[in-house]
Amino acid sequence: MPEQRRIAKTARWLLIWVVFTIAMRFVTGFAGIYRGWLNTAVTSASIVAIWFLGSWFRSRREHTARRLPT
């Protein structure tokens, strides 16, 4: 079961990256600053990675806080 959960989380973050990349492509196109799919994909990957790491660190802190005796 934990293996399925890990795969589901990976798939969810991949889907978030794809949707975010497509949205960024149209937003940058409307703004007149579109530089191509590769630049858009790299930029969106950076943003989603920061978002992912932020949520990962937060969950680690919460998990550690629950384990500490009070």
N, C-alpha and C. Protein backbone atom coordinates (compact mmCIF):
# COMPACT_ATOMS: atom_id res chain seq x y z
N MET A 1 0.80 -1.21 0.00
CA MET A 1 0.00 0.00 0.00
C MET A 1 0.84 1.27 0.00
N PRO A 2 1.92 1.35 0.80
CA PRO A 2 2.74 2.56 0.75
C PRO A 2 3.34 2.81 -0.63
N GLU A 3 3.65 1.72 -1.36
CA GLU A 3 4.21 1.88 -2.71
C GLU A 3 3.19 2.53 -3.64
N GLN A 4 1.93 2.13 -3.55
CA GLN A 4 0.88 2.73 -4.38
C GLN A 4 0.70 4.21 -4.02
N ARG A 5 0.78 4.51 -2.74
CA ARG A 5 0.62 5.90 -2.30
C ARG A 5 1.74 6.76 -2.86
N ARG A 6 2.97 6.23 -2.86
CA ARG A 6 4.12 6.96 -3.39
C ARG A 6 3.96 7.22 -4.89
N ILE A 7 3.49 6.22 -5.63
CA ILE A 7 3.28 6.38 -7.06
C ILE A 7 2.16 7.38 -7.32
N ALA A 8 1.11 7.34 -6.52
CA ALA A 8 0.00 8.28 -6.69
C ALA A 8 0.47 9.72 -6.44
N LYS A 9 1.31 9.91 -5.42
CA LYS A 9 1.83 11.25 -5.15
C LYS A 9 2.70 11.74 -6.31
N THR A 10 3.53 10.86 -6.84
CA THR A 10 4.38 11.22 -7.97
C THR A 10 3.54 11.59 -9.17
N ALA A 11 2.53 10.80 -9.47
CA ALA A 11 1.64 11.08 -10.60
C ALA A 11 0.90 12.40 -10.40
N ARG A 12 0.48 12.67 -9.16
CA ARG A 12 -0.23 13.92 -8.89
C ARG A 12 0.68 15.12 -9.14
N TRP A 13 1.94 15.06 -8.67
CA TRP A 13 2.85 16.18 -8.88
C TRP A 13 3.22 16.33 -10.36
N LEU A 14 3.32 15.21 -11.08
CA LEU A 14 3.57 15.28 -12.52
C LEU A 14 2.41 15.95 -13.24
N LEU A 15 1.19 15.61 -12.84
CA LEU A 15 0.01 16.24 -13.43
C LEU A 15 -0.02 17.73 -13.10
N ILE A 16 0.31 18.10 -11.87
CA ILE A 16 0.36 19.52 -11.50
C ILE A 16 1.37 20.25 -12.37
N TRP A 17 2.54 19.62 -12.61
CA TRP A 17 3.56 20.26 -13.44
C TRP A 17 3.06 20.45 -14.87
N VAL A 18 2.41 19.43 -15.44
CA VAL A 18 1.91 19.53 -16.81
C VAL A 18 0.88 20.64 -16.93
N VAL A 19 -0.08 20.67 -16.01
CA VAL A 19 -1.13 21.70 -16.05
C VAL A 19 -0.52 23.08 -15.86
N PHE A 20 0.42 23.20 -14.92
CA PHE A 20 1.06 24.48 -14.67
C PHE A 20 1.86 24.94 -15.89
N THR A 21 2.54 24.01 -16.57
CA THR A 21 3.31 24.35 -17.78
C THR A 21 2.40 24.87 -18.88
N ILE A 22 1.28 24.19 -19.10
CA ILE A 22 0.34 24.62 -20.13
C ILE A 22 -0.25 25.98 -19.79
N ALA A 23 -0.61 26.17 -18.53
CA ALA A 23 -1.15 27.47 -18.11
C ALA A 23 -0.11 28.57 -18.29
N MET A 24 1.14 28.29 -17.91
CA MET A 24 2.20 29.29 -18.07
C MET A 24 2.43 29.63 -19.54
N ARG A 25 2.29 28.65 -20.41
CA ARG A 25 2.50 28.89 -21.83
C ARG A 25 1.50 29.93 -22.34
N PHE A 26 0.24 29.77 -21.94
CA PHE A 26 -0.78 30.71 -22.40
C PHE A 26 -0.64 32.07 -21.72
N VAL A 27 -0.31 32.09 -20.46
CA VAL A 27 -0.13 33.37 -19.75
C VAL A 27 1.04 34.14 -20.34
N THR A 28 2.16 33.46 -20.57
CA THR A 28 3.32 34.15 -21.15
C THR A 28 3.04 34.56 -22.60
N GLY A 29 2.24 33.76 -23.31
CA GLY A 29 1.87 34.14 -24.67
C GLY A 29 1.01 35.39 -24.69
N PHE A 30 0.05 35.48 -23.78
CA PHE A 30 -0.80 36.67 -23.69
C PHE A 30 0.01 37.89 -23.27
N ALA A 31 1.01 37.68 -22.41
CA ALA A 31 1.83 38.80 -21.93
C ALA A 31 2.88 39.22 -22.96
N GLY A 32 3.06 38.41 -23.99
CA GLY A 32 4.03 38.75 -25.03
C GLY A 32 5.47 38.43 -24.63
N ILE A 33 5.67 37.53 -23.67
CA ILE A 33 7.03 37.18 -23.24
C ILE A 33 7.32 35.70 -23.45
N TYR A 34 6.54 35.04 -24.29
CA TYR A 34 6.72 33.61 -24.53
C TYR A 34 8.05 33.36 -25.25
N ARG A 35 8.86 32.44 -24.72
CA ARG A 35 10.17 32.14 -25.29
C ARG A 35 10.32 30.70 -25.77
N GLY A 36 9.25 29.92 -25.75
CA GLY A 36 9.31 28.54 -26.21
C GLY A 36 8.94 27.56 -25.11
N TRP A 37 8.62 26.34 -25.55
CA TRP A 37 8.18 25.33 -24.60
C TRP A 37 9.26 24.93 -23.61
N LEU A 38 10.51 24.85 -24.06
CA LEU A 38 11.57 24.41 -23.16
C LEU A 38 11.75 25.38 -22.00
N ASN A 39 11.84 26.66 -22.29
CA ASN A 39 11.96 27.66 -21.22
C ASN A 39 10.75 27.63 -20.28
N THR A 40 9.57 27.47 -20.86
CA THR A 40 8.36 27.42 -20.05
C THR A 40 8.36 26.18 -19.16
N ALA A 41 8.75 25.04 -19.72
CA ALA A 41 8.78 23.79 -18.95
C ALA A 41 9.80 23.85 -17.81
N VAL A 42 10.97 24.42 -18.10
CA VAL A 42 12.00 24.52 -17.06
C VAL A 42 11.55 25.47 -15.95
N THR A 43 10.99 26.58 -16.33
CA THR A 43 10.51 27.55 -15.33
C THR A 43 9.40 26.94 -14.48
N SER A 44 8.43 26.29 -15.12
CA SER A 44 7.34 25.70 -14.35
C SER A 44 7.84 24.54 -13.49
N ALA A 45 8.83 23.78 -13.97
CA ALA A 45 9.40 22.69 -13.16
C ALA A 45 10.06 23.27 -11.91
N SER A 46 10.74 24.39 -12.05
CA SER A 46 11.37 25.03 -10.90
C SER A 46 10.32 25.48 -9.87
N ILE A 47 9.26 26.08 -10.35
CA ILE A 47 8.21 26.57 -9.45
C ILE A 47 7.52 25.40 -8.76
N VAL A 48 7.18 24.35 -9.51
CA VAL A 48 6.51 23.19 -8.93
C VAL A 48 7.45 22.46 -7.97
N ALA A 49 8.74 22.41 -8.28
CA ALA A 49 9.71 21.76 -7.38
C ALA A 49 9.78 22.50 -6.04
N ILE A 50 9.80 23.82 -6.09
CA ILE A 50 9.82 24.60 -4.86
C ILE A 50 8.53 24.37 -4.07
N TRP A 51 7.42 24.32 -4.77
CA TRP A 51 6.12 24.06 -4.15
C TRP A 51 6.12 22.67 -3.50
N PHE A 52 6.61 21.67 -4.24
CA PHE A 52 6.68 20.30 -3.73
C PHE A 52 7.58 20.21 -2.51
N LEU A 53 8.77 20.81 -2.59
CA LEU A 53 9.70 20.74 -1.45
C LEU A 53 9.15 21.46 -0.23
N GLY A 54 8.45 22.56 -0.45
CA GLY A 54 7.83 23.26 0.67
C GLY A 54 6.82 22.39 1.39
N SER A 55 5.98 21.71 0.63
CA SER A 55 4.98 20.84 1.25
C SER A 55 5.65 19.62 1.89
N TRP A 56 6.72 19.12 1.28
CA TRP A 56 7.44 17.98 1.84
C TRP A 56 8.09 18.33 3.17
N PHE A 57 8.77 19.49 3.22
CA PHE A 57 9.41 19.92 4.47
C PHE A 57 8.37 20.18 5.56
N ARG A 58 7.24 20.76 5.18
CA ARG A 58 6.18 21.02 6.16
C ARG A 58 5.64 19.70 6.73
N SER A 59 5.42 18.71 5.87
CA SER A 59 4.91 17.43 6.37
C SER A 59 5.95 16.73 7.24
N ARG A 60 7.23 16.88 6.92
CA ARG A 60 8.29 16.30 7.75
C ARG A 60 8.30 16.94 9.13
N ARG A 61 8.17 18.28 9.16
CA ARG A 61 8.13 18.99 10.45
C ARG A 61 6.93 18.54 11.27
N GLU A 62 5.77 18.43 10.64
CA GLU A 62 4.57 18.00 11.35
C GLU A 62 4.72 16.56 11.86
N HIS A 63 5.32 15.71 11.04
CA HIS A 63 5.53 14.32 11.45
C HIS A 63 6.48 14.25 12.63
N THR A 64 7.55 15.02 12.60
CA THR A 64 8.51 15.05 13.70
C THR A 64 7.86 15.62 14.97
N ALA A 65 7.06 16.64 14.82
CA ALA A 65 6.40 17.25 15.98
C ALA A 65 5.42 16.27 16.64
N ARG A 66 4.78 15.45 15.86
CA ARG A 66 3.85 14.45 16.41
C ARG A 66 4.59 13.36 17.17
N ARG A 67 5.80 13.05 16.74
CA ARG A 67 6.56 11.97 17.39
C ARG A 67 7.22 12.40 18.69
N LEU A 68 7.50 13.69 18.83
CA LEU A 68 8.16 14.17 20.03
C LEU A 68 7.20 14.13 21.23
N PRO A 69 7.67 13.62 22.36
CA PRO A 69 6.80 13.62 23.54
C PRO A 69 6.64 15.03 24.10
N THR A 70 5.48 15.30 24.62
CA THR A 70 5.22 16.64 25.18
C THR A 70 5.15 16.60 26.67
